[in-house]
Amino acid sequence: MMMQKTMKLEHPYVQDILERHLVKLKTLIPCDDVTGVRWKPHVESRLSGEVVEGIIYVYDEGLRDALETLRHEYLDCILTKKIIDPLTAIVNLFIEDKTREIYRQKERVVEGLSKLLKNPCGE
């Protein structure tokens, strides 16, 4: 969900351009999970951008890189919310179910072994 940082300030109207580009992206590929974009070119970060609480933060200084980061973060957010998160939830449910099953099996074995140790010679 994050890209490496590059380039220098090229355009004073980057925020406006990013907002218009986000509207176009949302028209092409609708996504209610993204609610806005913020251009923060002078933030000390090794990232080019990230999505925090529905806002895409773009840290690149150059317009070209900022637009690339916006597209990247937008698509990454969609894929994460629509594919990765649901699959992770399913896998976690499977793990929880298997954990309960394994625990029940272990308890049966422990109970059986405990009975054997209580009366090891069948006395």
PDB file of N, CA and C in Angstrom:
ATOM      1  N   MET A   1       0.816  -1.181   0.000  1.00  0.00           N
ATOM      2  CA  MET A   1       0.000   0.000   0.000  1.00  0.00           C
ATOM      3  C   MET A   1       0.869   1.258   0.000  1.00  0.00           C
ATOM      4  N   MET A   2       2.189   1.073  -0.087  1.00  0.00           N
ATOM      5  CA  MET A   2       3.085   2.212   0.009  1.00  0.00           C
ATOM      6  C   MET A   2       4.150   2.158  -1.084  1.00  0.00           C
ATOM      7  N   MET A   3       4.552   3.349  -1.592  1.00  0.00           N
ATOM      8  CA  MET A   3       5.567   3.433  -2.631  1.00  0.00           C
ATOM      9  C   MET A   3       6.764   4.233  -2.118  1.00  0.00           C
ATOM     10  N   GLN A   4       7.915   4.057  -2.727  1.00  0.00           N
ATOM     11  CA  GLN A   4       9.126   4.789  -2.357  1.00  0.00           C
ATOM     12  C   GLN A   4       9.032   6.250  -2.803  1.00  0.00           C
ATOM     13  N   LYS A   5       9.663   7.163  -2.064  1.00  0.00           N
ATOM     14  CA  LYS A   5       9.603   8.598  -2.313  1.00  0.00           C
ATOM     15  C   LYS A   5      10.647   9.051  -3.338  1.00  0.00           C
ATOM     16  N   THR A   6      10.265  10.031  -4.218  1.00  0.00           N
ATOM     17  CA  THR A   6      11.187  10.570  -5.223  1.00  0.00           C
ATOM     18  C   THR A   6      10.822  12.000  -5.604  1.00  0.00           C
ATOM     19  N   MET A   7      11.640  12.665  -6.428  1.00  0.00           N
ATOM     20  CA  MET A   7      11.418  13.918  -7.164  1.00  0.00           C
ATOM     21  C   MET A   7      11.280  15.176  -6.304  1.00  0.00           C
ATOM     22  N   LYS A   8      11.183  16.332  -6.999  1.00  0.00           N
ATOM     23  CA  LYS A   8      11.102  17.640  -6.363  1.00  0.00           C
ATOM     24  C   LYS A   8       9.847  18.388  -6.810  1.00  0.00           C
ATOM     25  N   LEU A   9       9.532  19.459  -6.097  1.00  0.00           N
ATOM     26  CA  LEU A   9       8.352  20.277  -6.371  1.00  0.00           C
ATOM     27  C   LEU A   9       8.378  20.810  -7.806  1.00  0.00           C
ATOM     28  N   GLU A  10       7.307  20.545  -8.549  1.00  0.00           N
ATOM     29  CA  GLU A  10       7.232  20.977  -9.947  1.00  0.00           C
ATOM     30  C   GLU A  10       6.058  21.910 -10.216  1.00  0.00           C
ATOM     31  N   HIS A  11       5.029  21.879  -9.393  1.00  0.00           N
ATOM     32  CA  HIS A  11       3.792  22.554  -9.742  1.00  0.00           C
ATOM     33  C   HIS A  11       3.095  23.078  -8.482  1.00  0.00           C
ATOM     34  N   PRO A  12       2.734  24.337  -8.448  1.00  0.00           N
ATOM     35  CA  PRO A  12       2.104  24.898  -7.248  1.00  0.00           C
ATOM     36  C   PRO A  12       0.638  24.484  -7.056  1.00  0.00           C
ATOM     37  N   TYR A  13       0.021  23.889  -8.049  1.00  0.00           N
ATOM     38  CA  TYR A  13      -1.398  23.543  -7.956  1.00  0.00           C
ATOM     39  C   TYR A  13      -1.621  22.037  -7.870  1.00  0.00           C
ATOM     40  N   VAL A  14      -0.656  21.334  -7.314  1.00  0.00           N
ATOM     41  CA  VAL A  14      -0.719  19.875  -7.274  1.00  0.00           C
ATOM     42  C   VAL A  14      -1.951  19.384  -6.519  1.00  0.00           C
ATOM     43  N   GLN A  15      -2.299  20.004  -5.381  1.00  0.00           N
ATOM     44  CA  GLN A  15      -3.460  19.565  -4.599  1.00  0.00           C
ATOM     45  C   GLN A  15      -4.732  19.580  -5.452  1.00  0.00           C
ATOM     46  N   ASP A  16      -4.959  20.666  -6.181  1.00  0.00           N
ATOM     47  CA  ASP A  16      -6.148  20.768  -7.045  1.00  0.00           C
ATOM     48  C   ASP A  16      -6.136  19.698  -8.139  1.00  0.00           C
ATOM     49  N   ILE A  17      -4.985  19.497  -8.731  1.00  0.00           N
ATOM     50  CA  ILE A  17      -4.879  18.501  -9.800  1.00  0.00           C
ATOM     51  C   ILE A  17      -5.127  17.100  -9.244  1.00  0.00           C
ATOM     52  N   LEU A  18      -4.575  16.801  -8.065  1.00  0.00           N
ATOM     53  CA  LEU A  18      -4.797  15.493  -7.440  1.00  0.00           C
ATOM     54  C   LEU A  18      -6.277  15.274  -7.125  1.00  0.00           C
ATOM     55  N   GLU A  19      -6.945  16.307  -6.632  1.00  0.00           N
ATOM     56  CA  GLU A  19      -8.376  16.186  -6.318  1.00  0.00           C
ATOM     57  C   GLU A  19      -9.188  15.909  -7.581  1.00  0.00           C
ATOM     58  N   ARG A  20      -8.881  16.610  -8.662  1.00  0.00           N
ATOM     59  CA  ARG A  20      -9.593  16.372  -9.925  1.00  0.00           C
ATOM     60  C   ARG A  20      -9.305  14.970 -10.461  1.00  0.00           C
ATOM     61  N   HIS A  21      -8.062  14.535 -10.323  1.00  0.00           N
ATOM     62  CA  HIS A  21      -7.692  13.197 -10.788  1.00  0.00           C
ATOM     63  C   HIS A  21      -8.402  12.124  -9.961  1.00  0.00           C
ATOM     64  N   LEU A  22      -8.543  12.355  -8.667  1.00  0.00           N
ATOM     65  CA  LEU A  22      -9.257  11.394  -7.818  1.00  0.00           C
ATOM     66  C   LEU A  22     -10.718  11.287  -8.247  1.00  0.00           C
ATOM     67  N   VAL A  23     -11.338  12.398  -8.586  1.00  0.00           N
ATOM     68  CA  VAL A  23     -12.727  12.366  -9.073  1.00  0.00           C
ATOM     69  C   VAL A  23     -12.810  11.504 -10.331  1.00  0.00           C
ATOM     70  N   LYS A  24     -11.856  11.670 -11.232  1.00  0.00           N
ATOM     71  CA  LYS A  24     -11.840  10.856 -12.456  1.00  0.00           C
ATOM     72  C   LYS A  24     -11.657   9.375 -12.128  1.00  0.00           C
ATOM     73  N   LEU A  25     -10.746   9.076 -11.207  1.00  0.00           N
ATOM     74  CA  LEU A  25     -10.531   7.680 -10.814  1.00  0.00           C
ATOM     75  C   LEU A  25     -11.799   7.075 -10.229  1.00  0.00           C
ATOM     76  N   LYS A  26     -12.469   7.838  -9.362  1.00  0.00           N
ATOM     77  CA  LYS A  26     -13.693   7.347  -8.726  1.00  0.00           C
ATOM     78  C   LYS A  26     -14.817   7.166  -9.743  1.00  0.00           C
ATOM     79  N   THR A  27     -14.793   7.932 -10.835  1.00  0.00           N
ATOM     80  CA  THR A  27     -15.773   7.767 -11.899  1.00  0.00           C
ATOM     81  C   THR A  27     -15.484   6.481 -12.687  1.00  0.00           C
ATOM     82  N   LEU A  28     -14.213   6.249 -12.966  1.00  0.00           N
ATOM     83  CA  LEU A  28     -13.819   5.056 -13.719  1.00  0.00           C
ATOM     84  C   LEU A  28     -13.984   3.773 -12.903  1.00  0.00           C
ATOM     85  N   ILE A  29     -13.537   3.824 -11.658  1.00  0.00           N
ATOM     86  CA  ILE A  29     -13.594   2.666 -10.763  1.00  0.00           C
ATOM     87  C   ILE A  29     -14.114   3.158  -9.413  1.00  0.00           C
ATOM     88  N   PRO A  30     -15.423   3.092  -9.207  1.00  0.00           N
ATOM     89  CA  PRO A  30     -15.996   3.616  -7.966  1.00  0.00           C
ATOM     90  C   PRO A  30     -15.438   2.919  -6.717  1.00  0.00           C
ATOM     91  N   CYS A  31     -15.194   3.724  -5.687  1.00  0.00           N
ATOM     92  CA  CYS A  31     -14.711   3.198  -4.417  1.00  0.00           C
ATOM     93  C   CYS A  31     -15.107   4.162  -3.307  1.00  0.00           C
ATOM     94  N   ASP A  32     -16.041   3.731  -2.458  1.00  0.00           N
ATOM     95  CA  ASP A  32     -16.484   4.576  -1.348  1.00  0.00           C
ATOM     96  C   ASP A  32     -15.490   4.599  -0.198  1.00  0.00           C
ATOM     97  N   ASP A  33     -14.517   3.681  -0.206  1.00  0.00           N
ATOM     98  CA  ASP A  33     -13.538   3.614   0.876  1.00  0.00           C
ATOM     99  C   ASP A  33     -12.562   4.788   0.849  1.00  0.00           C
ATOM    100  N   VAL A  34     -12.372   5.402  -0.318  1.00  0.00           N
ATOM    101  CA  VAL A  34     -11.489   6.562  -0.436  1.00  0.00           C
ATOM    102  C   VAL A  34     -12.357   7.809  -0.479  1.00  0.00           C
ATOM    103  N   THR A  35     -12.113   8.711   0.465  1.00  0.00           N
ATOM    104  CA  THR A  35     -12.950   9.906   0.562  1.00  0.00           C
ATOM    105  C   THR A  35     -12.232  11.194   0.174  1.00  0.00           C
ATOM    106  N   GLY A  36     -10.907  11.132   0.022  1.00  0.00           N
ATOM    107  CA  GLY A  36     -10.194  12.349  -0.349  1.00  0.00           C
ATOM    108  C   GLY A  36      -8.719  12.098  -0.573  1.00  0.00           C
ATOM    109  N   VAL A  37      -8.029  13.174  -0.957  1.00  0.00           N
ATOM    110  CA  VAL A  37      -6.585  13.121  -1.180  1.00  0.00           C
ATOM    111  C   VAL A  37      -5.967  14.370  -0.554  1.00  0.00           C
ATOM    112  N   ARG A  38      -4.816  14.195   0.080  1.00  0.00           N
ATOM    113  CA  ARG A  38      -4.085  15.319   0.670  1.00  0.00           C
ATOM    114  C   ARG A  38      -2.653  15.270   0.176  1.00  0.00           C
ATOM    115  N   TRP A  39      -2.198  16.394  -0.346  1.00  0.00           N
ATOM    116  CA  TRP A  39      -0.816  16.494  -0.817  1.00  0.00           C
ATOM    117  C   TRP A  39       0.023  17.069   0.307  1.00  0.00           C
ATOM    118  N   LYS A  40       0.995  16.309   0.762  1.00  0.00           N
ATOM    119  CA  LYS A  40       1.881  16.707   1.868  1.00  0.00           C
ATOM    120  C   LYS A  40       3.327  16.514   1.413  1.00  0.00           C
ATOM    121  N   PRO A  41       3.817  17.390   0.517  1.00  0.00           N
ATOM    122  CA  PRO A  41       5.119  17.152  -0.119  1.00  0.00           C
ATOM    123  C   PRO A  41       6.334  17.289   0.789  1.00  0.00           C
ATOM    124  N   HIS A  42       6.243  17.947   1.896  1.00  0.00           N
ATOM    125  CA  HIS A  42       7.425  18.163   2.719  1.00  0.00           C
ATOM    126  C   HIS A  42       7.423  17.332   3.985  1.00  0.00           C
ATOM    127  N   VAL A  43       6.555  16.344   4.052  1.00  0.00           N
ATOM    128  CA  VAL A  43       6.509  15.460   5.205  1.00  0.00           C
ATOM    129  C   VAL A  43       7.719  14.535   5.151  1.00  0.00           C
ATOM    130  N   GLU A  44       8.383  14.403   6.301  1.00  0.00           N
ATOM    131  CA  GLU A  44       9.536  13.487   6.386  1.00  0.00           C
ATOM    132  C   GLU A  44       9.015  12.052   6.370  1.00  0.00           C
ATOM    133  N   SER A  45       9.128  11.416   5.236  1.00  0.00           N
ATOM    134  CA  SER A  45       8.644  10.051   5.091  1.00  0.00           C
ATOM    135  C   SER A  45       9.443   9.344   4.011  1.00  0.00           C
ATOM    136  N   ARG A  46       9.662   8.059   4.212  1.00  0.00           N
ATOM    137  CA  ARG A  46      10.305   7.255   3.170  1.00  0.00           C
ATOM    138  C   ARG A  46       9.268   6.771   2.173  1.00  0.00           C
ATOM    139  N   LEU A  47       8.015   7.053   2.426  1.00  0.00           N
ATOM    140  CA  LEU A  47       6.923   6.611   1.556  1.00  0.00           C
ATOM    141  C   LEU A  47       6.580   7.680   0.543  1.00  0.00           C
ATOM    142  N   SER A  48       6.038   7.247  -0.569  1.00  0.00           N
ATOM    143  CA  SER A  48       5.495   8.178  -1.554  1.00  0.00           C
ATOM    144  C   SER A  48       4.053   8.518  -1.224  1.00  0.00           C
ATOM    145  N   GLY A  49       3.371   7.581  -0.548  1.00  0.00           N
ATOM    146  CA  GLY A  49       1.982   7.814  -0.189  1.00  0.00           C
ATOM    147  C   GLY A  49       1.450   6.696   0.673  1.00  0.00           C
ATOM    148  N   GLU A  50       0.263   6.933   1.229  1.00  0.00           N
ATOM    149  CA  GLU A  50      -0.421   5.933   2.042  1.00  0.00           C
ATOM    150  C   GLU A  50      -1.885   6.331   2.181  1.00  0.00           C
ATOM    151  N   VAL A  51      -2.704   5.366   2.572  1.00  0.00           N
ATOM    152  CA  VAL A  51      -4.119   5.636   2.813  1.00  0.00           C
ATOM    153  C   VAL A  51      -4.350   5.517   4.316  1.00  0.00           C
ATOM    154  N   VAL A  52      -4.885   6.589   4.901  1.00  0.00           N
ATOM    155  CA  VAL A  52      -5.176   6.607   6.325  1.00  0.00           C
ATOM    156  C   VAL A  52      -6.618   7.063   6.507  1.00  0.00           C
ATOM    157  N   GLU A  53      -7.433   6.172   7.066  1.00  0.00           N
ATOM    158  CA  GLU A  53      -8.846   6.467   7.329  1.00  0.00           C
ATOM    159  C   GLU A  53      -9.547   7.049   6.098  1.00  0.00           C
ATOM    160  N   GLY A  54      -9.311   6.448   4.944  1.00  0.00           N
ATOM    161  CA  GLY A  54     -10.009   6.833   3.723  1.00  0.00           C
ATOM    162  C   GLY A  54      -9.399   7.992   2.957  1.00  0.00           C
ATOM    163  N   ILE A  55      -8.366   8.600   3.507  1.00  0.00           N
ATOM    164  CA  ILE A  55      -7.700   9.718   2.832  1.00  0.00           C
ATOM    165  C   ILE A  55      -6.377   9.217   2.252  1.00  0.00           C
ATOM    166  N   ILE A  56      -6.153   9.503   0.973  1.00  0.00           N
ATOM    167  CA  ILE A  56      -4.872   9.172   0.352  1.00  0.00           C
ATOM    168  C   ILE A  56      -3.925  10.345   0.606  1.00  0.00           C
ATOM    169  N   TYR A  57      -2.836  10.068   1.294  1.00  0.00           N
ATOM    170  CA  TYR A  57      -1.793  11.067   1.543  1.00  0.00           C
ATOM    171  C   TYR A  57      -0.688  10.839   0.517  1.00  0.00           C
ATOM    172  N   VAL A  58      -0.355  11.903  -0.220  1.00  0.00           N
ATOM    173  CA  VAL A  58       0.672  11.843  -1.246  1.00  0.00           C
ATOM    174  C   VAL A  58       1.832  12.726  -0.787  1.00  0.00           C
ATOM    175  N   TYR A  59       3.021  12.133  -0.670  1.00  0.00           N
ATOM    176  CA  TYR A  59       4.193  12.840  -0.159  1.00  0.00           C
ATOM    177  C   TYR A  59       5.164  13.270  -1.249  1.00  0.00           C
ATOM    178  N   ASP A  60       4.955  12.814  -2.474  1.00  0.00           N
ATOM    179  CA  ASP A  60       5.838  13.197  -3.577  1.00  0.00           C
ATOM    180  C   ASP A  60       5.736  14.689  -3.839  1.00  0.00           C
ATOM    181  N   GLU A  61       6.842  15.291  -4.205  1.00  0.00           N
ATOM    182  CA  GLU A  61       6.860  16.722  -4.503  1.00  0.00           C
ATOM    183  C   GLU A  61       6.521  17.015  -5.955  1.00  0.00           C
ATOM    184  N   GLY A  62       6.902  16.156  -6.862  1.00  0.00           N
ATOM    185  CA  GLY A  62       6.665  16.378  -8.284  1.00  0.00           C
ATOM    186  C   GLY A  62       5.271  15.946  -8.701  1.00  0.00           C
ATOM    187  N   LEU A  63       4.690  16.676  -9.633  1.00  0.00           N
ATOM    188  CA  LEU A  63       3.333  16.388 -10.113  1.00  0.00           C
ATOM    189  C   LEU A  63       3.229  14.986 -10.709  1.00  0.00           C
ATOM    190  N   ARG A  64       4.145  14.631 -11.593  1.00  0.00           N
ATOM    191  CA  ARG A  64       4.097  13.324 -12.248  1.00  0.00           C
ATOM    192  C   ARG A  64       4.140  12.192 -11.210  1.00  0.00           C
ATOM    193  N   ASP A  65       5.077  12.303 -10.274  1.00  0.00           N
ATOM    194  CA  ASP A  65       5.189  11.268  -9.234  1.00  0.00           C
ATOM    195  C   ASP A  65       3.968  11.271  -8.314  1.00  0.00           C
ATOM    196  N   ALA A  66       3.459  12.456  -8.017  1.00  0.00           N
ATOM    197  CA  ALA A  66       2.278  12.554  -7.149  1.00  0.00           C
ATOM    198  C   ALA A  66       1.067  11.883  -7.792  1.00  0.00           C
ATOM    199  N   LEU A  67       0.880  12.082  -9.083  1.00  0.00           N
ATOM    200  CA  LEU A  67      -0.226  11.438  -9.794  1.00  0.00           C
ATOM    201  C   LEU A  67      -0.054   9.923  -9.826  1.00  0.00           C
ATOM    202  N   GLU A  68       1.167   9.469 -10.043  1.00  0.00           N
ATOM    203  CA  GLU A  68       1.458   8.034 -10.036  1.00  0.00           C
ATOM    204  C   GLU A  68       1.149   7.428  -8.661  1.00  0.00           C
ATOM    205  N   THR A  69       1.557   8.140  -7.633  1.00  0.00           N
ATOM    206  CA  THR A  69       1.300   7.659  -6.268  1.00  0.00           C
ATOM    207  C   THR A  69      -0.195   7.635  -5.979  1.00  0.00           C
ATOM    208  N   LEU A  70      -0.920   8.655  -6.401  1.00  0.00           N
ATOM    209  CA  LEU A  70      -2.374   8.686  -6.208  1.00  0.00           C
ATOM    210  C   LEU A  70      -3.016   7.469  -6.858  1.00  0.00           C
ATOM    211  N   ARG A  71      -2.662   7.198  -8.110  1.00  0.00           N
ATOM    212  CA  ARG A  71      -3.229   6.030  -8.805  1.00  0.00           C
ATOM    213  C   ARG A  71      -2.871   4.732  -8.079  1.00  0.00           C
ATOM    214  N   HIS A  72      -1.614   4.620  -7.696  1.00  0.00           N
ATOM    215  CA  HIS A  72      -1.145   3.414  -7.000  1.00  0.00           C
ATOM    216  C   HIS A  72      -1.927   3.200  -5.695  1.00  0.00           C
ATOM    217  N   GLU A  73      -2.005   4.222  -4.876  1.00  0.00           N
ATOM    218  CA  GLU A  73      -2.678   4.089  -3.575  1.00  0.00           C
ATOM    219  C   GLU A  73      -4.175   3.840  -3.739  1.00  0.00           C
ATOM    220  N   TYR A  74      -4.779   4.458  -4.737  1.00  0.00           N
ATOM    221  CA  TYR A  74      -6.212   4.253  -4.984  1.00  0.00           C
ATOM    222  C   TYR A  74      -6.482   2.793  -5.350  1.00  0.00           C
ATOM    223  N   LEU A  75      -5.723   2.276  -6.316  1.00  0.00           N
ATOM    224  CA  LEU A  75      -5.905   0.889  -6.741  1.00  0.00           C
ATOM    225  C   LEU A  75      -5.547  -0.088  -5.619  1.00  0.00           C
ATOM    226  N   ASP A  76      -4.498   0.203  -4.888  1.00  0.00           N
ATOM    227  CA  ASP A  76      -4.101  -0.651  -3.774  1.00  0.00           C
ATOM    228  C   ASP A  76      -5.202  -0.716  -2.720  1.00  0.00           C
ATOM    229  N   CYS A  77      -5.818   0.415  -2.427  1.00  0.00           N
ATOM    230  CA  CYS A  77      -6.909   0.459  -1.449  1.00  0.00           C
ATOM    231  C   CYS A  77      -8.092  -0.387  -1.919  1.00  0.00           C
ATOM    232  N   ILE A  78      -8.457  -0.257  -3.173  1.00  0.00           N
ATOM    233  CA  ILE A  78      -9.570  -1.044  -3.713  1.00  0.00           C
ATOM    234  C   ILE A  78      -9.280  -2.535  -3.598  1.00  0.00           C
ATOM    235  N   LEU A  79      -8.100  -2.942  -4.042  1.00  0.00           N
ATOM    236  CA  LEU A  79      -7.753  -4.363  -3.990  1.00  0.00           C
ATOM    237  C   LEU A  79      -7.702  -4.878  -2.551  1.00  0.00           C
ATOM    238  N   THR A  80      -7.176  -4.078  -1.659  1.00  0.00           N
ATOM    239  CA  THR A  80      -7.103  -4.487  -0.256  1.00  0.00           C
ATOM    240  C   THR A  80      -8.501  -4.637   0.334  1.00  0.00           C
ATOM    241  N   LYS A  81      -9.349  -3.653   0.121  1.00  0.00           N
ATOM    242  CA  LYS A  81     -10.699  -3.689   0.715  1.00  0.00           C
ATOM    243  C   LYS A  81     -11.602  -4.743   0.070  1.00  0.00           C
ATOM    244  N   LYS A  82     -11.468  -4.939  -1.225  1.00  0.00           N
ATOM    245  CA  LYS A  82     -12.380  -5.838  -1.944  1.00  0.00           C
ATOM    246  C   LYS A  82     -11.888  -7.276  -2.044  1.00  0.00           C
ATOM    247  N   ILE A  83     -10.570  -7.495  -1.954  1.00  0.00           N
ATOM    248  CA  ILE A  83     -10.040  -8.846  -2.129  1.00  0.00           C
ATOM    249  C   ILE A  83      -9.256  -9.322  -0.900  1.00  0.00           C
ATOM    250  N   ILE A  84      -8.235  -8.591  -0.525  1.00  0.00           N
ATOM    251  CA  ILE A  84      -7.344  -9.038   0.549  1.00  0.00           C
ATOM    252  C   ILE A  84      -8.064  -9.130   1.893  1.00  0.00           C
ATOM    253  N   ASP A  85      -8.764  -8.082   2.295  1.00  0.00           N
ATOM    254  CA  ASP A  85      -9.441  -8.099   3.604  1.00  0.00           C
ATOM    255  C   ASP A  85     -10.476  -9.224   3.713  1.00  0.00           C
ATOM    256  N   PRO A  86     -11.346  -9.423   2.709  1.00  0.00           N
ATOM    257  CA  PRO A  86     -12.295 -10.541   2.814  1.00  0.00           C
ATOM    258  C   PRO A  86     -11.608 -11.908   2.872  1.00  0.00           C
ATOM    259  N   LEU A  87     -10.557 -12.095   2.082  1.00  0.00           N
ATOM    260  CA  LEU A  87      -9.839 -13.368   2.120  1.00  0.00           C
ATOM    261  C   LEU A  87      -9.158 -13.578   3.469  1.00  0.00           C
ATOM    262  N   THR A  88      -8.600 -12.535   4.015  1.00  0.00           N
ATOM    263  CA  THR A  88      -7.969 -12.625   5.333  1.00  0.00           C
ATOM    264  C   THR A  88      -8.999 -13.001   6.386  1.00  0.00           C
ATOM    265  N   ALA A  89     -10.183 -12.434   6.303  1.00  0.00           N
ATOM    266  CA  ALA A  89     -11.249 -12.774   7.259  1.00  0.00           C
ATOM    267  C   ALA A  89     -11.627 -14.250   7.152  1.00  0.00           C
ATOM    268  N   ILE A  90     -11.728 -14.764   5.942  1.00  0.00           N
ATOM    269  CA  ILE A  90     -12.067 -16.178   5.738  1.00  0.00           C
ATOM    270  C   ILE A  90     -10.964 -17.073   6.301  1.00  0.00           C
ATOM    271  N   VAL A  91      -9.727 -16.740   6.004  1.00  0.00           N
ATOM    272  CA  VAL A  91      -8.595 -17.535   6.509  1.00  0.00           C
ATOM    273  C   VAL A  91      -8.578 -17.515   8.033  1.00  0.00           C
ATOM    274  N   ASN A  92      -8.827 -16.359   8.621  1.00  0.00           N
ATOM    275  CA  ASN A  92      -8.845 -16.265  10.089  1.00  0.00           C
ATOM    276  C   ASN A  92      -9.964 -17.105  10.694  1.00  0.00           C
ATOM    277  N   LEU A  93     -11.135 -17.135  10.060  1.00  0.00           N
ATOM    278  CA  LEU A  93     -12.226 -17.989  10.542  1.00  0.00           C
ATOM    279  C   LEU A  93     -11.839 -19.458  10.463  1.00  0.00           C
ATOM    280  N   PHE A  94     -11.190 -19.847   9.374  1.00  0.00           N
ATOM    281  CA  PHE A  94     -10.738 -21.221   9.219  1.00  0.00           C
ATOM    282  C   PHE A  94      -9.727 -21.579  10.317  1.00  0.00           C
ATOM    283  N   ILE A  95      -8.797 -20.685  10.584  1.00  0.00           N
ATOM    284  CA  ILE A  95      -7.789 -20.920  11.629  1.00  0.00           C
ATOM    285  C   ILE A  95      -8.457 -21.066  12.994  1.00  0.00           C
ATOM    286  N   GLU A  96      -9.419 -20.199  13.300  1.00  0.00           N
ATOM    287  CA  GLU A  96     -10.131 -20.289  14.579  1.00  0.00           C
ATOM    288  C   GLU A  96     -10.857 -21.628  14.706  1.00  0.00           C
ATOM    289  N   ASP A  97     -11.525 -22.055  13.637  1.00  0.00           N
ATOM    290  CA  ASP A  97     -12.250 -23.322  13.643  1.00  0.00           C
ATOM    291  C   ASP A  97     -11.294 -24.495  13.845  1.00  0.00           C
ATOM    292  N   LYS A  98     -10.177 -24.496  13.113  1.00  0.00           N
ATOM    293  CA  LYS A  98      -9.191 -25.564  13.246  1.00  0.00           C
ATOM    294  C   LYS A  98      -8.573 -25.570  14.641  1.00  0.00           C
ATOM    295  N   THR A  99      -8.337 -24.402  15.197  1.00  0.00           N
ATOM    296  CA  THR A  99      -7.766 -24.304  16.541  1.00  0.00           C
ATOM    297  C   THR A  99      -8.698 -24.945  17.563  1.00  0.00           C
ATOM    298  N   ARG A 100      -9.997 -24.669  17.458  1.00  0.00           N
ATOM    299  CA  ARG A 100     -10.974 -25.291  18.372  1.00  0.00           C
ATOM    300  C   ARG A 100     -11.002 -26.807  18.195  1.00  0.00           C
ATOM    301  N   GLU A 101     -10.980 -27.260  16.952  1.00  0.00           N
ATOM    302  CA  GLU A 101     -11.001 -28.693  16.665  1.00  0.00           C
ATOM    303  C   GLU A 101      -9.759 -29.384  17.241  1.00  0.00           C
ATOM    304  N   ILE A 102      -8.598 -28.804  17.034  1.00  0.00           N
ATOM    305  CA  ILE A 102      -7.355 -29.378  17.545  1.00  0.00           C
ATOM    306  C   ILE A 102      -7.361 -29.391  19.073  1.00  0.00           C
ATOM    307  N   TYR A 103      -7.893 -28.351  19.688  1.00  0.00           N
ATOM    308  CA  TYR A 103      -7.976 -28.292  21.149  1.00  0.00           C
ATOM    309  C   TYR A 103      -8.853 -29.433  21.676  1.00  0.00           C
ATOM    310  N   ARG A 104      -9.998 -29.658  21.038  1.00  0.00           N
ATOM    311  CA  ARG A 104     -10.897 -30.748  21.464  1.00  0.00           C
ATOM    312  C   ARG A 104     -10.202 -32.109  21.335  1.00  0.00           C
ATOM    313  N   GLN A 105      -9.498 -32.313  20.225  1.00  0.00           N
ATOM    314  CA  GLN A 105      -8.771 -33.566  20.035  1.00  0.00           C
ATOM    315  C   GLN A 105      -7.687 -33.742  21.103  1.00  0.00           C
ATOM    316  N   LYS A 106      -6.969 -32.702  21.388  1.00  0.00           N
ATOM    317  CA  LYS A 106      -5.920 -32.754  22.406  1.00  0.00           C
ATOM    318  C   LYS A 106      -6.509 -33.097  23.763  1.00  0.00           C
ATOM    319  N   GLU A 107      -7.641 -32.481  24.108  1.00  0.00           N
ATOM    320  CA  GLU A 107      -8.284 -32.750  25.395  1.00  0.00           C
ATOM    321  C   GLU A 107      -8.708 -34.212  25.507  1.00  0.00           C
ATOM    322  N   ARG A 108      -9.215 -34.787  24.402  1.00  0.00           N
ATOM    323  CA  ARG A 108      -9.588 -36.210  24.430  1.00  0.00           C
ATOM    324  C   ARG A 108      -8.363 -37.087  24.686  1.00  0.00           C
ATOM    325  N   VAL A 109      -7.243 -36.771  24.036  1.00  0.00           N
ATOM    326  CA  VAL A 109      -6.016 -37.541  24.233  1.00  0.00           C
ATOM    327  C   VAL A 109      -5.527 -37.385  25.677  1.00  0.00           C
ATOM    328  N   VAL A 110      -5.534 -36.177  26.184  1.00  0.00           N
ATOM    329  CA  VAL A 110      -5.092 -35.928  27.561  1.00  0.00           C
ATOM    330  C   VAL A 110      -5.967 -36.687  28.551  1.00  0.00           C
ATOM    331  N   GLU A 111      -7.280 -36.668  28.343  1.00  0.00           N
ATOM    332  CA  GLU A 111      -8.188 -37.405  29.232  1.00  0.00           C
ATOM    333  C   GLU A 111      -7.890 -38.905  29.199  1.00  0.00           C
ATOM    334  N   GLY A 112      -7.678 -39.451  28.004  1.00  0.00           N
ATOM    335  CA  GLY A 112      -7.365 -40.877  27.866  1.00  0.00           C
ATOM    336  C   GLY A 112      -6.054 -41.232  28.547  1.00  0.00           C
ATOM    337  N   LEU A 113      -5.030 -40.420  28.336  1.00  0.00           N
ATOM    338  CA  LEU A 113      -3.738 -40.672  28.972  1.00  0.00           C
ATOM    339  C   LEU A 113      -3.818 -40.508  30.483  1.00  0.00           C
ATOM    340  N   SER A 114      -4.601 -39.536  30.906  1.00  0.00           N
ATOM    341  CA  SER A 114      -4.785 -39.317  32.353  1.00  0.00           C
ATOM    342  C   SER A 114      -5.415 -40.530  33.008  1.00  0.00           C
ATOM    343  N   LYS A 115      -6.409 -41.127  32.347  1.00  0.00           N
ATOM    344  CA  LYS A 115      -7.057 -42.346  32.890  1.00  0.00           C
ATOM    345  C   LYS A 115      -6.049 -43.498  32.962  1.00  0.00           C
ATOM    346  N   LEU A 116      -5.198 -43.619  31.941  1.00  0.00           N
ATOM    347  CA  LEU A 116      -4.187 -44.668  31.948  1.00  0.00           C
ATOM    348  C   LEU A 116      -3.208 -44.490  33.106  1.00  0.00           C
ATOM    349  N   LEU A 117      -2.788 -43.272  33.361  1.00  0.00           N
ATOM    350  CA  LEU A 117      -1.840 -43.014  34.441  1.00  0.00           C
ATOM    351  C   LEU A 117      -2.470 -43.178  35.823  1.00  0.00           C
ATOM    352  N   LYS A 118      -3.795 -42.957  35.907  1.00  0.00           N
ATOM    353  CA  LYS A 118      -4.497 -43.114  37.178  1.00  0.00           C
ATOM    354  C   LYS A 118      -4.489 -44.583  37.577  1.00  0.00           C
ATOM    355  N   ASN A 119      -4.599 -45.457  36.594  1.00  0.00           N
ATOM    356  CA  ASN A 119      -4.667 -46.890  36.849  1.00  0.00           C
ATOM    357  C   ASN A 119      -3.749 -47.587  35.837  1.00  0.00           C
ATOM    358  N   PRO A 120      -2.401 -47.407  35.942  1.00  0.00           N
ATOM    359  CA  PRO A 120      -1.470 -47.851  34.920  1.00  0.00           C
ATOM    360  C   PRO A 120      -1.437 -49.382  34.704  1.00  0.00           C
ATOM    361  N   CYS A 121      -1.744 -50.129  35.700  1.00  0.00           N
ATOM    362  CA  CYS A 121      -1.658 -51.588  35.555  1.00  0.00           C
ATOM    363  C   CYS A 121      -3.032 -52.232  35.483  1.00  0.00           C
ATOM    364  N   GLY A 122      -4.029 -51.412  35.310  1.00  0.00           N
ATOM    365  CA  GLY A 122      -5.391 -51.929  35.221  1.00  0.00           C
ATOM    366  C   GLY A 122      -5.890 -52.459  36.554  1.00  0.00           C
ATOM    367  N   GLU A 123      -5.329 -51.968  37.650  1.00  0.00           N
ATOM    368  CA  GLU A 123      -5.686 -52.429  38.995  1.00  0.00           C
ATOM    369  C   GLU A 123      -7.014 -51.903  39.453  1.00  0.00           C
TER     370      GLU A 123
END
